[in-house]
Protein backbone atom coordinates (compact mmCIF):
# COMPACT_ATOMS: atom_id res chain seq x y z
CA LEU A 1 60.22 80.11 117.89
CA THR A 2 57.98 81.78 115.38
CA LEU A 3 54.30 81.03 115.83
CA SER A 4 51.58 81.64 113.27
CA ASN A 5 47.88 80.95 112.87
CA LEU A 6 47.15 82.28 116.35
CA HIS A 7 43.65 83.34 117.31
CA TRP A 8 43.51 87.14 117.58
CA GLU A 9 42.50 86.97 121.27
CA VAL A 10 45.59 85.00 122.39
CA SER A 11 47.63 87.17 124.76
CA ARG A 12 51.31 87.34 125.69
CA GLU A 13 50.35 85.96 129.11
CA ASP A 14 48.54 82.99 127.49
CA LEU A 15 51.63 82.16 125.44
CA ARG A 16 54.07 82.63 128.33
CA GLU A 17 52.00 80.36 130.59
CA LEU A 18 51.76 77.65 127.93
CA PHE A 19 55.37 77.69 126.74
CA GLU A 20 57.01 78.00 130.16
CA SER A 21 55.97 74.39 130.68
CA CYS A 22 58.91 73.57 128.35
CA GLY A 23 61.55 75.77 129.99
CA PRO A 24 62.52 79.34 130.86
CA VAL A 25 61.10 81.89 128.40
CA LEU A 26 63.10 85.09 127.92
CA ARG A 27 60.66 86.95 125.69
CA VAL A 28 57.18 86.73 124.21
CA ALA A 29 56.19 89.16 121.46
CA ILE A 30 52.95 89.28 119.49
CA GLU A 31 52.82 91.01 116.12
CA TYR A 32 49.99 93.52 115.77
CA ASP A 33 48.40 95.04 112.68
CA ARG A 34 47.80 98.76 112.10
CA ALA A 35 44.47 98.59 113.91
CA GLY A 36 46.21 97.24 117.02
CA ARG A 37 44.77 93.76 116.67
CA SER A 38 46.90 90.63 116.73
CA ALA A 39 48.16 89.62 113.28
CA GLY A 40 48.12 85.99 114.40
CA ARG A 41 51.91 85.74 114.70
CA ALA A 42 54.25 85.73 117.69
CA GLU A 43 57.83 85.09 118.69
CA ILE A 44 58.88 83.10 121.75
CA VAL A 45 62.52 83.21 122.87
CA PHE A 46 63.74 80.46 125.18
CA GLN A 47 66.85 80.52 127.30
CA ARG A 48 67.91 77.15 125.84
CA ARG A 49 67.54 75.84 122.29
CA GLU A 50 66.62 72.36 123.53
CA ASP A 51 63.60 73.85 125.33
CA ALA A 52 62.51 75.53 122.09
CA LEU A 53 62.78 72.21 120.24
CA ARG A 54 60.75 70.48 122.97
CA ALA A 55 58.08 73.21 122.74
CA ARG A 56 57.86 72.85 118.96
CA ASP A 57 57.52 69.09 119.23
CA LYS A 58 54.88 69.42 121.95
CA PHE A 59 52.74 72.26 120.54
CA ASP A 60 53.11 72.38 116.73
CA LEU A 61 49.62 71.99 115.20
CA VAL A 62 48.00 71.86 118.67
CA PRO A 63 44.88 74.04 118.82
CA LEU A 64 44.99 77.12 121.04
CA ASP A 65 41.62 78.87 121.31
CA GLY A 66 40.37 76.62 118.51
CA MET A 67 43.15 77.29 115.99
CA PRO A 68 46.13 74.97 115.38
CA MET A 69 49.42 76.78 116.04
CA HIS A 70 52.13 76.54 113.40
CA ILE A 71 55.58 76.63 115.00
CA VAL A 72 58.98 77.05 113.36
CA VAL A 73 62.35 77.02 115.12
CA GLU A 74 64.36 79.99 113.89
CA GLU A 75 68.14 80.24 113.73
CA GLN A 76 69.81 80.36 117.10
CA ARG A 77 70.60 83.87 118.29
CA VAL A 78 72.40 85.13 121.33
CA ILE A 79 70.36 87.61 123.31
CA ARG A 80 72.25 89.77 125.74
CA ARG A 81 70.47 90.78 128.88
CA GLU A 82 71.02 94.33 130.04
């Protein structure tokens, strides 16, 4: 999932806690600007595509810290664990 319109204070832990309610999360990454502040965008990688779809349906346009999250399901990718 690609998330946008996130409040700059939302943390990786906040996102992991919220999205794990939909299924196992493999990775949470927040994009930061040059000043080291959140750019308001993040990526969530689920173990299963169906969990990502459920998360999008559940949380798209739902406010988090007062700002409605915009969520897009990206193309399916295979992530190899090392």
